[in-house]
Amino acid sequence: MSWQSTAPGGELRAILPASAEVGSTAKHERFRVWAAQHSPRGYRCHQWRDLPPESFASVGVRINTVVLTLRKR
């Protein structure tokens, strides 16, 4: 599923590397500005949720991850 196929009023949750939330490159910053425009109303402080460290280590992914929640208006 992708943002383009999310219906108006629908939510999209994505598991991303933690750098999506805290990275300092121009690309990270542009993405966060875009994501903030699609924050679920009343949930801005909960738009990003940290997952436990190395949540996917059992399948060989050893990076910290977050869940991003977006709502399409």
Protein backbone atom coordinates (compact mmCIF):
# COMPACT_ATOMS: atom_id res chain seq x y z
CA MET A 1 0.00 0.00 0.00
CA SER A 2 1.17 3.53 -0.66
CA TRP A 3 0.11 7.08 -0.04
CA GLN A 4 -1.36 7.36 -3.55
CA SER A 5 -3.72 4.44 -2.91
CA THR A 6 -4.82 5.66 0.53
CA ALA A 7 -8.42 6.86 0.41
CA PRO A 8 -9.38 10.30 1.71
CA GLY A 9 -9.88 10.00 5.47
CA GLY A 10 -7.71 6.88 5.53
CA GLU A 11 -4.58 6.31 7.57
CA LEU A 12 -1.24 4.98 6.47
CA ARG A 13 1.29 3.62 8.95
CA ALA A 14 4.84 3.03 7.81
CA ILE A 15 7.82 1.47 9.53
CA LEU A 16 10.87 3.59 8.76
CA PRO A 17 14.46 3.89 9.95
CA ALA A 18 14.74 6.26 12.92
CA SER A 19 16.76 8.59 10.69
CA ALA A 20 13.48 9.57 8.98
CA GLU A 21 12.49 11.32 12.21
CA VAL A 22 15.85 12.71 13.30
CA GLY A 23 18.09 12.85 10.22
CA SER A 24 19.59 16.22 9.37
CA THR A 25 19.89 16.07 5.59
CA ALA A 26 17.79 18.31 3.38
CA LYS A 27 15.92 15.24 2.15
CA HIS A 28 15.02 14.22 5.73
CA GLU A 29 13.88 17.74 6.54
CA ARG A 30 11.69 18.00 3.40
CA PHE A 31 10.12 14.63 4.22
CA ARG A 32 9.29 15.71 7.79
CA VAL A 33 7.68 18.94 6.53
CA TRP A 34 5.55 16.89 4.11
CA ALA A 35 4.68 14.34 6.82
CA ALA A 36 3.66 17.10 9.27
CA GLN A 37 1.10 18.29 6.71
CA HIS A 38 -0.52 14.84 6.91
CA SER A 39 -0.44 14.39 10.67
CA PRO A 40 -3.65 12.93 12.10
CA ARG A 41 -5.55 15.75 13.81
CA GLY A 42 -4.96 15.76 17.52
CA TYR A 43 -2.13 13.25 17.20
CA ARG A 44 0.78 15.47 16.13
CA CYS A 45 2.79 14.52 19.21
CA HIS A 46 2.08 10.84 18.44
CA GLN A 47 2.77 10.96 14.70
CA TRP A 48 6.16 9.27 15.27
CA ARG A 49 6.46 6.29 17.63
CA ASP A 50 9.74 4.63 18.45
CA LEU A 51 9.87 0.87 18.23
CA PRO A 52 12.10 -1.02 20.69
CA PRO A 53 15.79 -0.96 19.67
CA GLU A 54 16.66 -3.51 16.98
CA SER A 55 13.06 -4.71 16.73
CA PHE A 56 13.88 -6.57 13.52
CA ALA A 57 17.25 -8.03 14.57
CA SER A 58 15.89 -11.58 14.32
CA VAL A 59 15.63 -11.13 10.54
CA GLY A 60 18.99 -9.40 10.17
CA VAL A 61 17.91 -5.75 10.39
CA ARG A 62 19.91 -4.08 13.14
CA ILE A 63 18.74 -0.48 12.95
CA ASN A 64 16.37 1.45 15.16
CA THR A 65 12.96 1.99 13.63
CA VAL A 66 9.90 4.18 14.07
CA VAL A 67 6.26 3.99 13.04
CA LEU A 68 4.97 7.03 11.18
CA THR A 69 1.21 7.61 11.09
CA LEU A 70 -0.28 9.76 8.31
CA ARG A 71 -3.90 10.67 7.56
CA LYS A 72 -5.07 11.61 4.09
CA ARG A 73 -7.54 14.48 4.07
